[in-house]
Amino acid sequence: ALREQYIEDDQGRRVAVILPIAEYEMMLEKLEELEDIRLYDKAK
């Protein structure tokens, strides 16, 4: 599970998220991996 925190505006709507850097970097790695898979599938 992610350990996210939210920033809210004056009306209490969530407008941003704060993540620990390690979790953010892990998410970026997973996104890159998914993009590689998508490009592979497209090429195939």
ModelCIF file with pLDDT and N, C-alpha, C, O atoms, coordinates in Angstrom:
data_MODEL
#
_entry.id   MODEL 
#
_entity.id                         1 
_entity.type                       polymer 
_entity.pdbx_number_of_molecules   1 
#
_entity_poly.entity_id                      1 
_entity_poly.type                           'polypeptide(L)' 
_entity_poly.nstd_linkage                   no 
_entity_poly.nstd_monomer                   no 
_entity_poly.pdbx_seq_one_letter_code       ALREQYIEDDQGRRVAVILPIAEYEMMLEKLEELEDIRLYDKAK 
_entity_poly.pdbx_seq_one_letter_code_can   ALREQYIEDDQGRRVAVILPIAEYEMMLEKLEELEDIRLYDKAK 
_entity_poly.pdbx_strand_id                 A 
#
loop_
_entity_poly_seq.entity_id 
_entity_poly_seq.num 
_entity_poly_seq.mon_id 
_entity_poly_seq.hetero 
1 1  ALA n 
1 2  LEU n 
1 3  ARG n 
1 4  GLU n 
1 5  GLN n 
1 6  TYR n 
1 7  ILE n 
1 8  GLU n 
1 9  ASP n 
1 10 ASP n 
1 11 GLN n 
1 12 GLY n 
1 13 ARG n 
1 14 ARG n 
1 15 VAL n 
1 16 ALA n 
1 17 VAL n 
1 18 ILE n 
1 19 LEU n 
1 20 PRO n 
1 21 ILE n 
1 22 ALA n 
1 23 GLU n 
1 24 TYR n 
1 25 GLU n 
1 26 MET n 
1 27 MET n 
1 28 LEU n 
1 29 GLU n 
1 30 LYS n 
1 31 LEU n 
1 32 GLU n 
1 33 GLU n 
1 34 LEU n 
1 35 GLU n 
1 36 ASP n 
1 37 ILE n 
1 38 ARG n 
1 39 LEU n 
1 40 TYR n 
1 41 ASP n 
1 42 LYS n 
1 43 ALA n 
1 44 LYS n 
#
_struct_asym.id          A 
_struct_asym.entity_id   1 
#
loop_
_ma_qa_metric.id 
_ma_qa_metric.mode 
_ma_qa_metric.name 
_ma_qa_metric.software_group_id 
_ma_qa_metric.type 
1 global pLDDT . pLDDT 
2 local  pLDDT . pLDDT 
#
_ma_qa_metric_global.metric_id      1 
_ma_qa_metric_global.metric_value   92.98 
_ma_qa_metric_global.model_id       1 
_ma_qa_metric_global.ordinal_id     1 
#
loop_
_ma_qa_metric_local.label_asym_id 
_ma_qa_metric_local.label_comp_id 
_ma_qa_metric_local.label_seq_id 
_ma_qa_metric_local.metric_id 
_ma_qa_metric_local.metric_value 
_ma_qa_metric_local.model_id 
_ma_qa_metric_local.ordinal_id 
A ALA 1  2 76.00 1 1  
A LEU 2  2 75.00 1 2  
A ARG 3  2 86.00 1 3  
A GLU 4  2 90.00 1 4  
A GLN 5  2 94.00 1 5  
A TYR 6  2 96.00 1 6  
A ILE 7  2 97.00 1 7  
A GLU 8  2 97.00 1 8  
A ASP 9  2 97.00 1 9  
A ASP 10 2 97.00 1 10 
A GLN 11 2 97.00 1 11 
A GLY 12 2 96.00 1 12 
A ARG 13 2 97.00 1 13 
A ARG 14 2 97.00 1 14 
A VAL 15 2 97.00 1 15 
A ALA 16 2 97.00 1 16 
A VAL 17 2 95.00 1 17 
A ILE 18 2 96.00 1 18 
A LEU 19 2 94.00 1 19 
A PRO 20 2 94.00 1 20 
A ILE 21 2 95.00 1 21 
A ALA 22 2 93.00 1 22 
A GLU 23 2 93.00 1 23 
A TYR 24 2 94.00 1 24 
A GLU 25 2 95.00 1 25 
A MET 26 2 93.00 1 26 
A MET 27 2 93.00 1 27 
A LEU 28 2 96.00 1 28 
A GLU 29 2 96.00 1 29 
A LYS 30 2 96.00 1 30 
A LEU 31 2 96.00 1 31 
A GLU 32 2 96.00 1 32 
A GLU 33 2 96.00 1 33 
A LEU 34 2 96.00 1 34 
A GLU 35 2 95.00 1 35 
A ASP 36 2 94.00 1 36 
A ILE 37 2 94.00 1 37 
A ARG 38 2 93.00 1 38 
A LEU 39 2 90.00 1 39 
A TYR 40 2 88.00 1 40 
A ASP 41 2 90.00 1 41 
A LYS 42 2 88.00 1 42 
A ALA 43 2 83.00 1 43 
A LYS 44 2 83.00 1 44 
#
loop_
_atom_site.group_PDB 
_atom_site.id 
_atom_site.type_symbol 
_atom_site.label_atom_id 
_atom_site.label_alt_id 
_atom_site.label_comp_id 
_atom_site.label_asym_id 
_atom_site.label_entity_id 
_atom_site.label_seq_id 
_atom_site.pdbx_PDB_ins_code 
_atom_site.Cartn_x 
_atom_site.Cartn_y 
_atom_site.Cartn_z 
_atom_site.occupancy 
_atom_site.B_iso_or_equiv 
_atom_site.pdbx_formal_charge 
_atom_site.auth_seq_id 
_atom_site.auth_comp_id 
_atom_site.auth_asym_id 
_atom_site.auth_atom_id 
_atom_site.pdbx_PDB_model_num 
ATOM 1   N N  . ALA A 1 1  ? 0.830   -1.198 0.000   1.00 76.00 ? 1  ALA A N  1 
ATOM 2   C CA . ALA A 1 1  ? 0.000   0.000  0.000   1.00 76.00 ? 1  ALA A CA 1 
ATOM 3   C C  . ALA A 1 1  ? 0.868   1.253  0.000   1.00 76.00 ? 1  ALA A C  1 
ATOM 4   O O  . ALA A 1 1  ? 1.924   1.301  0.630   1.00 76.00 ? 1  ALA A O  1 
ATOM 5   N N  . LEU A 1 2  ? 0.397   2.254  -0.717  1.00 75.00 ? 2  LEU A N  1 
ATOM 6   C CA . LEU A 1 2  ? 1.103   3.527  -0.742  1.00 75.00 ? 2  LEU A CA 1 
ATOM 7   C C  . LEU A 1 2  ? 0.816   4.301  0.538   1.00 75.00 ? 2  LEU A C  1 
ATOM 8   O O  . LEU A 1 2  ? -0.255  4.170  1.132   1.00 75.00 ? 2  LEU A O  1 
ATOM 9   N N  . ARG A 1 3  ? 1.770   5.094  0.946   1.00 86.00 ? 3  ARG A N  1 
ATOM 10  C CA . ARG A 1 3  ? 1.606   5.945  2.126   1.00 86.00 ? 3  ARG A CA 1 
ATOM 11  C C  . ARG A 1 3  ? 1.473   7.388  1.664   1.00 86.00 ? 3  ARG A C  1 
ATOM 12  O O  . ARG A 1 3  ? 2.341   8.225  1.911   1.00 86.00 ? 3  ARG A O  1 
ATOM 13  N N  . GLU A 1 4  ? 0.364   7.654  0.988   1.00 90.00 ? 4  GLU A N  1 
ATOM 14  C CA . GLU A 1 4  ? 0.182   8.973  0.425   1.00 90.00 ? 4  GLU A CA 1 
ATOM 15  C C  . GLU A 1 4  ? -0.475  9.927  1.426   1.00 90.00 ? 4  GLU A C  1 
ATOM 16  O O  . GLU A 1 4  ? -1.174  9.511  2.351   1.00 90.00 ? 4  GLU A O  1 
ATOM 17  N N  . GLN A 1 5  ? -0.230  11.190 1.210   1.00 94.00 ? 5  GLN A N  1 
ATOM 18  C CA . GLN A 1 5  ? -0.882  12.258 1.954   1.00 94.00 ? 5  GLN A CA 1 
ATOM 19  C C  . GLN A 1 5  ? -1.448  13.207 0.912   1.00 94.00 ? 5  GLN A C  1 
ATOM 20  O O  . GLN A 1 5  ? -0.911  13.326 -0.189  1.00 94.00 ? 5  GLN A O  1 
ATOM 21  N N  . TYR A 1 6  ? -2.535  13.879 1.265   1.00 96.00 ? 6  TYR A N  1 
ATOM 22  C CA . TYR A 1 6  ? -3.192  14.755 0.305   1.00 96.00 ? 6  TYR A CA 1 
ATOM 23  C C  . TYR A 1 6  ? -3.118  16.206 0.733   1.00 96.00 ? 6  TYR A C  1 
ATOM 24  O O  . TYR A 1 6  ? -3.077  16.528 1.921   1.00 96.00 ? 6  TYR A O  1 
ATOM 25  N N  . ILE A 1 7  ? -3.104  17.065 -0.259  1.00 97.00 ? 7  ILE A N  1 
ATOM 26  C CA . ILE A 1 7  ? -3.239  18.501 -0.043  1.00 97.00 ? 7  ILE A CA 1 
ATOM 27  C C  . ILE A 1 7  ? -4.638  18.858 -0.528  1.00 97.00 ? 7  ILE A C  1 
ATOM 28  O O  . ILE A 1 7  ? -5.044  18.475 -1.625  1.00 97.00 ? 7  ILE A O  1 
ATOM 29  N N  . GLU A 1 8  ? -5.363  19.591 0.298   1.00 97.00 ? 8  GLU A N  1 
ATOM 30  C CA . GLU A 1 8  ? -6.733  19.957 -0.047  1.00 97.00 ? 8  GLU A CA 1 
ATOM 31  C C  . GLU A 1 8  ? -6.851  21.456 -0.247  1.00 97.00 ? 8  GLU A C  1 
ATOM 32  O O  . GLU A 1 8  ? -6.110  22.244 0.340   1.00 97.00 ? 8  GLU A O  1 
ATOM 33  N N  . ASP A 1 9  ? -7.814  21.833 -1.102  1.00 97.00 ? 9  ASP A N  1 
ATOM 34  C CA . ASP A 1 9  ? -8.074  23.259 -1.287  1.00 97.00 ? 9  ASP A CA 1 
ATOM 35  C C  . ASP A 1 9  ? -9.016  23.748 -0.179  1.00 97.00 ? 9  ASP A C  1 
ATOM 36  O O  . ASP A 1 9  ? -9.335  23.003 0.747   1.00 97.00 ? 9  ASP A O  1 
ATOM 37  N N  . ASP A 1 10 ? -9.449  24.990 -0.285  1.00 97.00 ? 10 ASP A N  1 
ATOM 38  C CA . ASP A 1 10 ? -10.290 25.585 0.749   1.00 97.00 ? 10 ASP A CA 1 
ATOM 39  C C  . ASP A 1 10 ? -11.638 24.875 0.914   1.00 97.00 ? 10 ASP A C  1 
ATOM 40  O O  . ASP A 1 10 ? -12.252 24.945 1.979   1.00 97.00 ? 10 ASP A O  1 
ATOM 41  N N  . GLN A 1 11 ? -12.091 24.199 -0.132  1.00 97.00 ? 11 GLN A N  1 
ATOM 42  C CA . GLN A 1 11 ? -13.357 23.469 -0.069  1.00 97.00 ? 11 GLN A CA 1 
ATOM 43  C C  . GLN A 1 11 ? -13.175 22.017 0.363   1.00 97.00 ? 11 GLN A C  1 
ATOM 44  O O  . GLN A 1 11 ? -14.142 21.256 0.395   1.00 97.00 ? 11 GLN A O  1 
ATOM 45  N N  . GLY A 1 12 ? -11.966 21.636 0.690   1.00 96.00 ? 12 GLY A N  1 
ATOM 46  C CA . GLY A 1 12 ? -11.701 20.273 1.135   1.00 96.00 ? 12 GLY A CA 1 
ATOM 47  C C  . GLY A 1 12 ? -11.515 19.271 0.009   1.00 96.00 ? 12 GLY A C  1 
ATOM 48  O O  . GLY A 1 12 ? -11.459 18.068 0.262   1.00 96.00 ? 12 GLY A O  1 
ATOM 49  N N  . ARG A 1 13 ? -11.417 19.747 -1.247  1.00 97.00 ? 13 ARG A N  1 
ATOM 50  C CA . ARG A 1 13 ? -11.182 18.841 -2.381  1.00 97.00 ? 13 ARG A CA 1 
ATOM 51  C C  . ARG A 1 13 ? -9.694  18.528 -2.484  1.00 97.00 ? 13 ARG A C  1 
ATOM 52  O O  . ARG A 1 13 ? -8.850  19.413 -2.348  1.00 97.00 ? 13 ARG A O  1 
ATOM 53  N N  . ARG A 1 14 ? -9.391  17.278 -2.721  1.00 97.00 ? 14 ARG A N  1 
ATOM 54  C CA . ARG A 1 14 ? -7.998  16.877 -2.888  1.00 97.00 ? 14 ARG A CA 1 
ATOM 55  C C  . ARG A 1 14 ? -7.466  17.437 -4.203  1.00 97.00 ? 14 ARG A C  1 
ATOM 56  O O  . ARG A 1 14 ? -8.053  17.224 -5.264  1.00 97.00 ? 14 ARG A O  1 
ATOM 57  N N  . VAL A 1 15 ? -6.350  18.155 -4.118  1.00 97.00 ? 15 VAL A N  1 
ATOM 58  C CA . VAL A 1 15 ? -5.790  18.785 -5.310  1.00 97.00 ? 15 VAL A CA 1 
ATOM 59  C C  . VAL A 1 15 ? -4.368  18.321 -5.611  1.00 97.00 ? 15 VAL A C  1 
ATOM 60  O O  . VAL A 1 15 ? -3.848  18.581 -6.696  1.00 97.00 ? 15 VAL A O  1 
ATOM 61  N N  . ALA A 1 16 ? -3.739  17.640 -4.664  1.00 97.00 ? 16 ALA A N  1 
ATOM 62  C CA . ALA A 1 16 ? -2.378  17.153 -4.869  1.00 97.00 ? 16 ALA A CA 1 
ATOM 63  C C  . ALA A 1 16 ? -2.125  15.996 -3.911  1.00 97.00 ? 16 ALA A C  1 
ATOM 64  O O  . ALA A 1 16 ? -2.864  15.779 -2.950  1.00 97.00 ? 16 ALA A O  1 
ATOM 65  N N  . VAL A 1 17 ? -1.065  15.268 -4.203  1.00 95.00 ? 17 VAL A N  1 
ATOM 66  C CA . VAL A 1 17 ? -0.700  14.137 -3.351  1.00 95.00 ? 17 VAL A CA 1 
ATOM 67  C C  . VAL A 1 17 ? 0.782   14.219 -3.020  1.00 95.00 ? 17 VAL A C  1 
ATOM 68  O O  . VAL A 1 17 ? 1.587   14.682 -3.829  1.00 95.00 ? 17 VAL A O  1 
ATOM 69  N N  . ILE A 1 18 ? 1.128   13.772 -1.839  1.00 96.00 ? 18 ILE A N  1 
ATOM 70  C CA . ILE A 1 18 ? 2.523   13.716 -1.398  1.00 96.00 ? 18 ILE A CA 1 
ATOM 71  C C  . ILE A 1 18 ? 2.854   12.248 -1.153  1.00 96.00 ? 18 ILE A C  1 
ATOM 72  O O  . ILE A 1 18 ? 2.131   11.543 -0.450  1.00 96.00 ? 18 ILE A O  1 
ATOM 73  N N  . LEU A 1 19 ? 3.960   11.801 -1.747  1.00 94.00 ? 19 LEU A N  1 
ATOM 74  C CA . LEU A 1 19 ? 4.420   10.417 -1.575  1.00 94.00 ? 19 LEU A CA 1 
ATOM 75  C C  . LEU A 1 19 ? 5.860   10.422 -1.092  1.00 94.00 ? 19 LEU A C  1 
ATOM 76  O O  . LEU A 1 19 ? 6.621   11.335 -1.413  1.00 94.00 ? 19 LEU A O  1 
ATOM 77  N N  . PRO A 1 20 ? 6.238   9.409  -0.323  1.00 94.00 ? 20 PRO A N  1 
ATOM 78  C CA . PRO A 1 20 ? 7.666   9.254  -0.024  1.00 94.00 ? 20 PRO A CA 1 
ATOM 79  C C  . PRO A 1 20 ? 8.427   9.036  -1.340  1.00 94.00 ? 20 PRO A C  1 
ATOM 80  O O  . PRO A 1 20 ? 7.918   8.388  -2.254  1.00 94.00 ? 20 PRO A O  1 
ATOM 81  N N  . ILE A 1 21 ? 9.621   9.570  -1.429  1.00 95.00 ? 21 ILE A N  1 
ATOM 82  C CA . ILE A 1 21 ? 10.393  9.531  -2.672  1.00 95.00 ? 21 ILE A CA 1 
ATOM 83  C C  . ILE A 1 21 ? 10.621  8.098  -3.162  1.00 95.00 ? 21 ILE A C  1 
ATOM 84  O O  . ILE A 1 21 ? 10.600  7.854  -4.368  1.00 95.00 ? 21 ILE A O  1 
ATOM 85  N N  . ALA A 1 22 ? 10.836  7.160  -2.259  1.00 93.00 ? 22 ALA A N  1 
ATOM 86  C CA . ALA A 1 22 ? 11.056  5.771  -2.664  1.00 93.00 ? 22 ALA A CA 1 
ATOM 87  C C  . ALA A 1 22 ? 9.815   5.205  -3.366  1.00 93.00 ? 22 ALA A C  1 
ATOM 88  O O  . ALA A 1 22 ? 9.934   4.471  -4.347  1.00 93.00 ? 22 ALA A O  1 
ATOM 89  N N  . GLU A 1 23 ? 8.646   5.545  -2.869  1.00 93.00 ? 23 GLU A N  1 
ATOM 90  C CA . GLU A 1 23 ? 7.413   5.069  -3.496  1.00 93.00 ? 23 GLU A CA 1 
ATOM 91  C C  . GLU A 1 23 ? 7.199   5.747  -4.845  1.00 93.00 ? 23 GLU A C  1 
ATOM 92  O O  . GLU A 1 23 ? 6.742   5.108  -5.793  1.00 93.00 ? 23 GLU A O  1 
ATOM 93  N N  . TYR A 1 24 ? 7.522   7.023  -4.938  1.00 94.00 ? 24 TYR A N  1 
ATOM 94  C CA . TYR A 1 24 ? 7.419   7.744  -6.201  1.00 94.00 ? 24 TYR A CA 1 
ATOM 95  C C  . TYR A 1 24 ? 8.354   7.127  -7.243  1.00 94.00 ? 24 TYR A C  1 
ATOM 96  O O  . TYR A 1 24 ? 7.948   6.899  -8.383  1.00 94.00 ? 24 TYR A O  1 
ATOM 97  N N  . GLU A 1 25 ? 9.591   6.859  -6.859  1.00 95.00 ? 25 GLU A N  1 
ATOM 98  C CA . GLU A 1 25 ? 10.552  6.254  -7.788  1.00 95.00 ? 25 GLU A CA 1 
ATOM 99  C C  . GLU A 1 25 ? 10.097  4.861  -8.216  1.00 95.00 ? 25 GLU A C  1 
ATOM 100 O O  . GLU A 1 25 ? 10.275  4.477  -9.372  1.00 95.00 ? 25 GLU A O  1 
ATOM 101 N N  . MET A 1 26 ? 9.510   4.103  -7.287  1.00 93.00 ? 26 MET A N  1 
ATOM 102 C CA . MET A 1 26 ? 8.991   2.772  -7.620  1.00 93.00 ? 26 MET A CA 1 
ATOM 103 C C  . MET A 1 26 ? 7.858   2.898  -8.647  1.00 93.00 ? 26 MET A C  1 
ATOM 104 O O  . MET A 1 26 ? 7.774   2.103  -9.584  1.00 93.00 ? 26 MET A O  1 
ATOM 105 N N  . MET A 1 27 ? 7.001   3.887  -8.468  1.00 93.00 ? 27 MET A N  1 
ATOM 106 C CA . MET A 1 27 ? 5.912   4.098  -9.420  1.00 93.00 ? 27 MET A CA 1 
ATOM 107 C C  . MET A 1 27 ? 6.451   4.446  -10.799 1.00 93.00 ? 27 MET A C  1 
ATOM 108 O O  . MET A 1 27 ? 5.941   3.955  -11.806 1.00 93.00 ? 27 MET A O  1 
ATOM 109 N N  . LEU A 1 28 ? 7.477   5.287  -10.854 1.00 96.00 ? 28 LEU A N  1 
ATOM 110 C CA . LEU A 1 28 ? 8.077   5.636  -12.139 1.00 96.00 ? 28 LEU A CA 1 
ATOM 111 C C  . LEU A 1 28 ? 8.661   4.410  -12.832 1.00 96.00 ? 28 LEU A C  1 
ATOM 112 O O  . LEU A 1 28 ? 8.499   4.241  -14.041 1.00 96.00 ? 28 LEU A O  1 
ATOM 113 N N  . GLU A 1 29 ? 9.337   3.559  -12.072 1.00 96.00 ? 29 GLU A N  1 
ATOM 114 C CA . GLU A 1 29 ? 9.906   2.335  -12.644 1.00 96.00 ? 29 GLU A CA 1 
ATOM 115 C C  . GLU A 1 29 ? 8.810   1.439  -13.208 1.00 96.00 ? 29 GLU A C  1 
ATOM 116 O O  . GLU A 1 29 ? 8.959   0.885  -14.298 1.00 96.00 ? 29 GLU A O  1 
ATOM 117 N N  . LYS A 1 30 ? 7.720   1.296  -12.479 1.00 96.00 ? 30 LYS A N  1 
ATOM 118 C CA . LYS A 1 30 ? 6.597   0.466  -12.942 1.00 96.00 ? 30 LYS A CA 1 
ATOM 119 C C  . LYS A 1 30 ? 5.973   1.061  -14.204 1.00 96.00 ? 30 LYS A C  1 
ATOM 120 O O  . LYS A 1 30 ? 5.608   0.323  -15.118 1.00 96.00 ? 30 LYS A O  1 
ATOM 121 N N  . LEU A 1 31 ? 5.849   2.374  -14.262 1.00 96.00 ? 31 LEU A N  1 
ATOM 122 C CA . LEU A 1 31 ? 5.303   3.015  -15.460 1.00 96.00 ? 31 LEU A CA 1 
ATOM 123 C C  . LEU A 1 31 ? 6.207   2.804  -16.661 1.00 96.00 ? 31 LEU A C  1 
ATOM 124 O O  . LEU A 1 31 ? 5.724   2.551  -17.764 1.00 96.00 ? 31 LEU A O  1 
ATOM 125 N N  . GLU A 1 32 ? 7.511   2.906  -16.461 1.00 96.00 ? 32 GLU A N  1 
ATOM 126 C CA . GLU A 1 32 ? 8.463   2.660  -17.551 1.00 96.00 ? 32 GLU A CA 1 
ATOM 127 C C  . GLU A 1 32 ? 8.354   1.217  -18.038 1.00 96.00 ? 32 GLU A C  1 
ATOM 128 O O  . GLU A 1 32 ? 8.398   0.959  -19.241 1.00 96.00 ? 32 GLU A O  1 
ATOM 129 N N  . GLU A 1 33 ? 8.214   0.292  -17.116 1.00 96.00 ? 33 GLU A N  1 
ATOM 130 C CA . GLU A 1 33 ? 8.075   -1.115 -17.473 1.00 96.00 ? 33 GLU A CA 1 
ATOM 131 C C  . GLU A 1 33 ? 6.794   -1.337 -18.275 1.00 96.00 ? 33 GLU A C  1 
ATOM 132 O O  . GLU A 1 33 ? 6.807   -2.059 -19.271 1.00 96.00 ? 33 GLU A O  1 
ATOM 133 N N  . LEU A 1 34 ? 5.704   -0.731 -17.856 1.00 96.00 ? 34 LEU A N  1 
ATOM 134 C CA . LEU A 1 34 ? 4.447   -0.856 -18.594 1.00 96.00 ? 34 LEU A CA 1 
ATOM 135 C C  . LEU A 1 34 ? 4.555   -0.249 -19.985 1.00 96.00 ? 34 LEU A C  1 
ATOM 136 O O  . LEU A 1 34 ? 4.001   -0.794 -20.939 1.00 96.00 ? 34 LEU A O  1 
ATOM 137 N N  . GLU A 1 35 ? 5.253   0.859  -20.114 1.00 95.00 ? 35 GLU A N  1 
ATOM 138 C CA . GLU A 1 35 ? 5.451   1.479  -21.422 1.00 95.00 ? 35 GLU A CA 1 
ATOM 139 C C  . GLU A 1 35 ? 6.275   0.561  -22.328 1.00 95.00 ? 35 GLU A C  1 
ATOM 140 O O  . GLU A 1 35 ? 5.975   0.435  -23.516 1.00 95.00 ? 35 GLU A O  1 
ATOM 141 N N  . ASP A 1 36 ? 7.303   -0.077 -21.782 1.00 94.00 ? 36 ASP A N  1 
ATOM 142 C CA . ASP A 1 36 ? 8.092   -1.030 -22.566 1.00 94.00 ? 36 ASP A CA 1 
ATOM 143 C C  . ASP A 1 36 ? 7.226   -2.177 -23.058 1.00 94.00 ? 36 ASP A C  1 
ATOM 144 O O  . ASP A 1 36 ? 7.340   -2.591 -24.211 1.00 94.00 ? 36 ASP A O  1 
ATOM 145 N N  . ILE A 1 37 ? 6.365   -2.692 -22.194 1.00 94.00 ? 37 ILE A N  1 
ATOM 146 C CA . ILE A 1 37 ? 5.465   -3.786 -22.570 1.00 94.00 ? 37 ILE A CA 1 
ATOM 147 C C  . ILE A 1 37 ? 4.518   -3.326 -23.669 1.00 94.00 ? 37 ILE A C  1 
ATOM 148 O O  . ILE A 1 37 ? 4.280   -4.053 -24.634 1.00 94.00 ? 37 ILE A O  1 
ATOM 149 N N  . ARG A 1 38 ? 3.973   -2.111 -23.524 1.00 93.00 ? 38 ARG A N  1 
ATOM 150 C CA . ARG A 1 38 ? 3.049   -1.580 -24.526 1.00 93.00 ? 38 ARG A CA 1 
ATOM 151 C C  . ARG A 1 38 ? 3.742   -1.451 -25.884 1.00 93.00 ? 38 ARG A C  1 
ATOM 152 O O  . ARG A 1 38 ? 3.170   -1.820 -26.909 1.00 93.00 ? 38 ARG A O  1 
ATOM 153 N N  . LEU A 1 39 ? 4.963   -0.933 -25.892 1.00 90.00 ? 39 LEU A N  1 
ATOM 154 C CA . LEU A 1 39 ? 5.698   -0.784 -27.153 1.00 90.00 ? 39 LEU A CA 1 
ATOM 155 C C  . LEU A 1 39 ? 6.039   -2.137 -27.763 1.00 90.00 ? 39 LEU A C  1 
ATOM 156 O O  . LEU A 1 39 ? 5.989   -2.302 -28.982 1.00 90.00 ? 39 LEU A O  1 
ATOM 157 N N  . TYR A 1 40 ? 6.385   -3.105 -26.917 1.00 88.00 ? 40 TYR A N  1 
ATOM 158 C CA . TYR A 1 40 ? 6.668   -4.457 -27.407 1.00 88.00 ? 40 TYR A CA 1 
ATOM 159 C C  . TYR A 1 40 ? 5.416   -5.046 -28.061 1.00 88.00 ? 40 TYR A C  1 
ATOM 160 O O  . TYR A 1 40 ? 5.479   -5.596 -29.161 1.00 88.00 ? 40 TYR A O  1 
ATOM 161 N N  . ASP A 1 41 ? 4.289   -4.924 -27.377 1.00 90.00 ? 41 ASP A N  1 
ATOM 162 C CA . ASP A 1 41 ? 3.038   -5.458 -27.923 1.00 90.00 ? 41 ASP A CA 1 
ATOM 163 C C  . ASP A 1 41 ? 2.676   -4.777 -29.241 1.00 90.00 ? 41 ASP A C  1 
ATOM 164 O O  . ASP A 1 41 ? 2.189   -5.431 -30.163 1.00 90.00 ? 41 ASP A O  1 
ATOM 165 N N  . LYS A 1 42 ? 2.911   -3.476 -29.334 1.00 88.00 ? 42 LYS A N  1 
ATOM 166 C CA . LYS A 1 42 ? 2.629   -2.745 -30.563 1.00 88.00 ? 42 LYS A CA 1 
ATOM 167 C C  . LYS A 1 42 ? 3.512   -3.241 -31.698 1.00 88.00 ? 42 LYS A C  1 
ATOM 168 O O  . LYS A 1 42 ? 3.040   -3.447 -32.816 1.00 88.00 ? 42 LYS A O  1 
ATOM 169 N N  . ALA A 1 43 ? 4.797   -3.431 -31.409 1.00 83.00 ? 43 ALA A N  1 
ATOM 170 C CA . ALA A 1 43 ? 5.727   -3.922 -32.433 1.00 83.00 ? 43 ALA A CA 1 
ATOM 171 C C  . ALA A 1 43 ? 5.357   -5.332 -32.879 1.00 83.00 ? 43 ALA A C  1 
ATOM 172 O O  . ALA A 1 43 ? 5.412   -5.639 -34.070 1.00 83.00 ? 43 ALA A O  1 
ATOM 173 N N  . LYS A 1 44 ? 4.984   -6.181 -31.944 1.00 83.00 ? 44 LYS A N  1 
ATOM 174 C CA . LYS A 1 44 ? 4.619   -7.559 -32.288 1.00 83.00 ? 44 LYS A CA 1 
ATOM 175 C C  . LYS A 1 44 ? 3.349   -7.612 -33.127 1.00 83.00 ? 44 LYS A C  1 
ATOM 176 O O  . LYS A 1 44 ? 2.902   -8.695 -33.503 1.00 83.00 ? 44 LYS A O  1 
#
